Amino acid sequence: MSAELGLQKWHKVIEEGSAPDALAAIIREDAVFHSPVVHTPQEGRQIVVAYLAAAGQTLGNDSFEYVRELVDGDNAMLEFTTDMDGIHVNGIDLIRFDKDGMIADFKVMVRPLKAVNKVWEQMAAMLERQKG
C-alpha cells in the first residue's frame, strides 16, 4: 500500500520539524493542496511545501497530536488536535499518495469555526513572513 509507505515518510518529516527541504522530498511536483481557508486548490510542489511548512510552524506546537489514523490503499486520513492561543483545534489531514508513497493530494479540514479563524490568522502571517 502506497499510503503506508507515504505515512512513514510523512511522520518522519513531521517529527523532525517539517523542514521545507524534507517536505519537498516527499511531495510530487504536480501535488495539490486544499486549504481549509483558501477557496481554490493550490497546485505545485513549491506552493504545497510553503503551506505545509507554514502549517508545521503554526499548528505543530507542543500540543499537536495525531489521535486517529485510517488507511485505505493510496489514501490516509489523520485526525489531529492542537491548541492555538487557547483555542482547541480539531482537524483532519486527508492525503492521497502515488504508488511510490509520494504525496499527490493533501486536504486539510478544521473545526470549529473559531479554530478555522485562528488557523487562517496564523497561517496568513506565517506565509507572509515566508515571502519576505
C-alpha atoms as a PDB file:
ATOM      1  CA  MET A   1       0.000   0.000   0.000  1.00  0.00           C
ATOM      2  CA  SER A   2       1.434   3.325  -1.044  1.00  0.00           C
ATOM      3  CA  ALA A   3      -0.273   5.157   1.829  1.00  0.00           C
ATOM      4  CA  GLU A   4       1.564   3.074   4.432  1.00  0.00           C
ATOM      5  CA  LEU A   5       4.928   3.921   2.849  1.00  0.00           C
ATOM      6  CA  GLY A   6       3.917   7.559   2.429  1.00  0.00           C
ATOM      7  CA  LEU A   7       2.786   7.848   6.051  1.00  0.00           C
ATOM      8  CA  GLN A   8       6.127   6.538   7.289  1.00  0.00           C
ATOM      9  CA  LYS A   9       7.833   9.339   5.349  1.00  0.00           C
ATOM     10  CA  TRP A  10       5.237  11.922   6.469  1.00  0.00           C
ATOM     11  CA  HIS A  11       5.546  11.111  10.175  1.00  0.00           C
ATOM     12  CA  LYS A  12       9.356  11.258   9.976  1.00  0.00           C
ATOM     13  CA  VAL A  13       9.263  14.713   8.349  1.00  0.00           C
ATOM     14  CA  ILE A  14       6.735  15.972  10.921  1.00  0.00           C
ATOM     15  CA  GLU A  15       8.749  14.612  13.848  1.00  0.00           C
ATOM     16  CA  GLU A  16      11.844  16.379  12.502  1.00  0.00           C
ATOM     17  CA  GLY A  17      10.123  19.776  12.304  1.00  0.00           C
ATOM     18  CA  SER A  18       8.525  19.978   8.824  1.00  0.00           C
ATOM     19  CA  ALA A  19      11.608  21.466   7.144  1.00  0.00           C
ATOM     20  CA  PRO A  20      10.861  22.688   3.603  1.00  0.00           C
ATOM     21  CA  ASP A  21      13.599  20.528   2.020  1.00  0.00           C
ATOM     22  CA  ALA A  22      12.329  17.420   3.795  1.00  0.00           C
ATOM     23  CA  LEU A  23       8.750  18.203   2.739  1.00  0.00           C
ATOM     24  CA  ALA A  24       9.810  18.752  -0.877  1.00  0.00           C
ATOM     25  CA  ALA A  25      11.420  15.305  -0.902  1.00  0.00           C
ATOM     26  CA  ILE A  26       8.065  13.586  -0.199  1.00  0.00           C
ATOM     27  CA  ILE A  27       5.768  15.732  -2.362  1.00  0.00           C
ATOM     28  CA  ARG A  28       5.167  15.246  -6.083  1.00  0.00           C
ATOM     29  CA  GLU A  29       5.986  18.100  -8.443  1.00  0.00           C
ATOM     30  CA  ASP A  30       2.309  18.242  -9.501  1.00  0.00           C
ATOM     31  CA  ALA A  31       0.854  17.895  -5.983  1.00  0.00           C
ATOM     32  CA  VAL A  32      -2.286  19.786  -4.971  1.00  0.00           C
ATOM     33  CA  PHE A  33      -3.079  21.322  -1.573  1.00  0.00           C
ATOM     34  CA  HIS A  34      -6.620  22.083  -0.392  1.00  0.00           C
ATOM     35  CA  SER A  35      -6.646  24.607   2.438  1.00  0.00           C
ATOM     36  CA  PRO A  36      -9.466  24.997   4.946  1.00  0.00           C
ATOM     37  CA  VAL A  37      -9.349  28.761   4.379  1.00  0.00           C
ATOM     38  CA  VAL A  38      -8.409  29.240   0.683  1.00  0.00           C
ATOM     39  CA  HIS A  39     -11.149  28.590  -1.865  1.00  0.00           C
ATOM     40  CA  THR A  40      -9.019  27.404  -4.796  1.00  0.00           C
ATOM     41  CA  PRO A  41      -6.738  24.371  -4.764  1.00  0.00           C
ATOM     42  CA  GLN A  42      -3.053  25.294  -4.583  1.00  0.00           C
ATOM     43  CA  GLU A  43      -1.087  23.445  -7.272  1.00  0.00           C
ATOM     44  CA  GLY A  44       2.576  22.507  -7.498  1.00  0.00           C
ATOM     45  CA  ARG A  45       5.270  21.311  -5.126  1.00  0.00           C
ATOM     46  CA  GLN A  46       6.555  24.778  -4.236  1.00  0.00           C
ATOM     47  CA  ILE A  47       3.198  26.118  -3.020  1.00  0.00           C
ATOM     48  CA  VAL A  48       2.286  22.829  -1.283  1.00  0.00           C
ATOM     49  CA  VAL A  49       5.613  22.914   0.582  1.00  0.00           C
ATOM     50  CA  ALA A  50       5.001  26.557   1.559  1.00  0.00           C
ATOM     51  CA  TYR A  51       1.573  25.750   3.008  1.00  0.00           C
ATOM     52  CA  LEU A  52       2.686  22.595   4.816  1.00  0.00           C
ATOM     53  CA  ALA A  53       5.813  24.256   6.233  1.00  0.00           C
ATOM     54  CA  ALA A  54       3.685  27.168   7.492  1.00  0.00           C
ATOM     55  CA  ALA A  55       1.184  24.698   8.972  1.00  0.00           C
ATOM     56  CA  GLY A  56       4.029  22.892  10.712  1.00  0.00           C
ATOM     57  CA  GLN A  57       5.097  26.160  12.304  1.00  0.00           C
ATOM     58  CA  THR A  58       1.612  27.283  13.342  1.00  0.00           C
ATOM     59  CA  LEU A  59      -0.251  24.058  14.153  1.00  0.00           C
ATOM     60  CA  GLY A  60       2.752  21.937  15.096  1.00  0.00           C
ATOM     61  CA  ASN A  61       3.223  23.249  18.616  1.00  0.00           C
ATOM     62  CA  ASP A  62       3.762  21.158  21.759  1.00  0.00           C
ATOM     63  CA  SER A  63       0.051  20.314  21.967  1.00  0.00           C
ATOM     64  CA  PHE A  64      -0.213  18.912  18.412  1.00  0.00           C
ATOM     65  CA  GLU A  65      -1.169  15.257  18.314  1.00  0.00           C
ATOM     66  CA  TYR A  66      -2.496  12.846  15.719  1.00  0.00           C
ATOM     67  CA  VAL A  67      -5.300  10.998  17.505  1.00  0.00           C
ATOM     68  CA  ARG A  68      -6.621   8.701  14.767  1.00  0.00           C
ATOM     69  CA  GLU A  69      -5.311   7.292  11.515  1.00  0.00           C
ATOM     70  CA  LEU A  70      -7.211   5.436   8.793  1.00  0.00           C
ATOM     71  CA  VAL A  71      -5.528   3.945   5.725  1.00  0.00           C
ATOM     72  CA  ASP A  72      -7.195   2.653   2.570  1.00  0.00           C
ATOM     73  CA  GLY A  73      -4.986   1.886  -0.436  1.00  0.00           C
ATOM     74  CA  ASP A  74      -3.483   5.152  -1.649  1.00  0.00           C
ATOM     75  CA  ASN A  75      -5.412   7.261   0.876  1.00  0.00           C
ATOM     76  CA  ALA A  76      -4.884   8.158   4.508  1.00  0.00           C
ATOM     77  CA  MET A  77      -6.947  10.195   6.936  1.00  0.00           C
ATOM     78  CA  LEU A  78      -5.205  11.560  10.013  1.00  0.00           C
ATOM     79  CA  GLU A  79      -7.265  13.287  12.692  1.00  0.00           C
ATOM     80  CA  PHE A  80      -5.353  15.793  14.796  1.00  0.00           C
ATOM     81  CA  THR A  81      -5.873  18.069  17.765  1.00  0.00           C
ATOM     82  CA  THR A  82      -3.884  21.063  18.929  1.00  0.00           C
ATOM     83  CA  ASP A  83      -4.337  24.284  20.862  1.00  0.00           C
ATOM     84  CA  MET A  84      -3.604  27.698  19.377  1.00  0.00           C
ATOM     85  CA  ASP A  85      -3.717  30.690  21.704  1.00  0.00           C
ATOM     86  CA  GLY A  86      -6.172  28.904  23.994  1.00  0.00           C
ATOM     87  CA  ILE A  87      -8.433  27.720  21.157  1.00  0.00           C
ATOM     88  CA  HIS A  88      -8.879  23.965  20.747  1.00  0.00           C
ATOM     89  CA  VAL A  89      -8.406  22.921  17.114  1.00  0.00           C
ATOM     90  CA  ASN A  90      -9.695  19.615  15.753  1.00  0.00           C
ATOM     91  CA  GLY A  91      -8.847  18.738  12.185  1.00  0.00           C
ATOM     92  CA  ILE A  92      -8.236  16.136   9.529  1.00  0.00           C
ATOM     93  CA  ASP A  93      -5.417  15.702   7.033  1.00  0.00           C
ATOM     94  CA  LEU A  94      -6.712  13.734   4.047  1.00  0.00           C
ATOM     95  CA  ILE A  95      -3.745  12.611   1.965  1.00  0.00           C
ATOM     96  CA  ARG A  96      -3.545  10.715  -1.332  1.00  0.00           C
ATOM     97  CA  PHE A  97      -0.212   9.124  -2.194  1.00  0.00           C
ATOM     98  CA  ASP A  98       1.130   7.880  -5.519  1.00  0.00           C
ATOM     99  CA  LYS A  99       2.492   4.344  -6.000  1.00  0.00           C
ATOM    100  CA  ASP A 100       5.901   5.441  -4.643  1.00  0.00           C
ATOM    101  CA  GLY A 101       4.459   6.890  -1.433  1.00  0.00           C
ATOM    102  CA  MET A 102       4.846  10.496  -2.596  1.00  0.00           C
ATOM    103  CA  ILE A 103       2.122  12.986  -1.636  1.00  0.00           C
ATOM    104  CA  ALA A 104      -0.117  13.732  -4.641  1.00  0.00           C
ATOM    105  CA  ASP A 105      -3.018  15.478  -2.915  1.00  0.00           C
ATOM    106  CA  PHE A 106      -3.324  16.962   0.582  1.00  0.00           C
ATOM    107  CA  LYS A 107      -6.570  18.322   2.033  1.00  0.00           C
ATOM    108  CA  VAL A 108      -6.951  19.889   5.475  1.00  0.00           C
ATOM    109  CA  MET A 109     -10.274  20.339   7.244  1.00  0.00           C
ATOM    110  CA  VAL A 110     -10.562  22.156  10.578  1.00  0.00           C
ATOM    111  CA  ARG A 111     -13.298  22.715  13.145  1.00  0.00           C
ATOM    112  CA  PRO A 112     -14.866  24.574  14.956  1.00  0.00           C
ATOM    113  CA  LEU A 113     -15.274  27.980  13.289  1.00  0.00           C
ATOM    114  CA  LYS A 114     -13.212  29.699  15.997  1.00  0.00           C
ATOM    115  CA  ALA A 115     -10.380  27.321  15.155  1.00  0.00           C
ATOM    116  CA  VAL A 116     -10.708  27.968  11.407  1.00  0.00           C
ATOM    117  CA  ASN A 117     -10.404  31.700  12.065  1.00  0.00           C
ATOM    118  CA  LYS A 118      -7.332  31.183  14.272  1.00  0.00           C
ATOM    119  CA  VAL A 119      -5.666  28.922  11.705  1.00  0.00           C
ATOM    120  CA  TRP A 120      -6.369  31.479   8.961  1.00  0.00           C
ATOM    121  CA  GLU A 121      -4.923  34.314  11.052  1.00  0.00           C
ATOM    122  CA  GLN A 122      -1.706  32.485  11.952  1.00  0.00           C
ATOM    123  CA  MET A 123      -1.205  30.800   8.568  1.00  0.00           C
ATOM    124  CA  ALA A 124      -1.615  34.106   6.730  1.00  0.00           C
ATOM    125  CA  ALA A 125       1.017  35.701   8.964  1.00  0.00           C
ATOM    126  CA  MET A 126       3.412  32.763   8.507  1.00  0.00           C
ATOM    127  CA  LEU A 127       3.012  32.687   4.712  1.00  0.00           C
ATOM    128  CA  GLU A 128       3.596  36.450   4.589  1.00  0.00           C
ATOM    129  CA  ARG A 129       6.850  36.010   6.571  1.00  0.00           C
ATOM    130  CA  GLN A 130       7.939  33.241   4.173  1.00  0.00           C
ATOM    131  CA  LYS A 131       7.504  35.612   1.216  1.00  0.00           C
ATOM    132  CA  GLY A 132       9.685  38.252   2.866  1.00  0.00           C
END
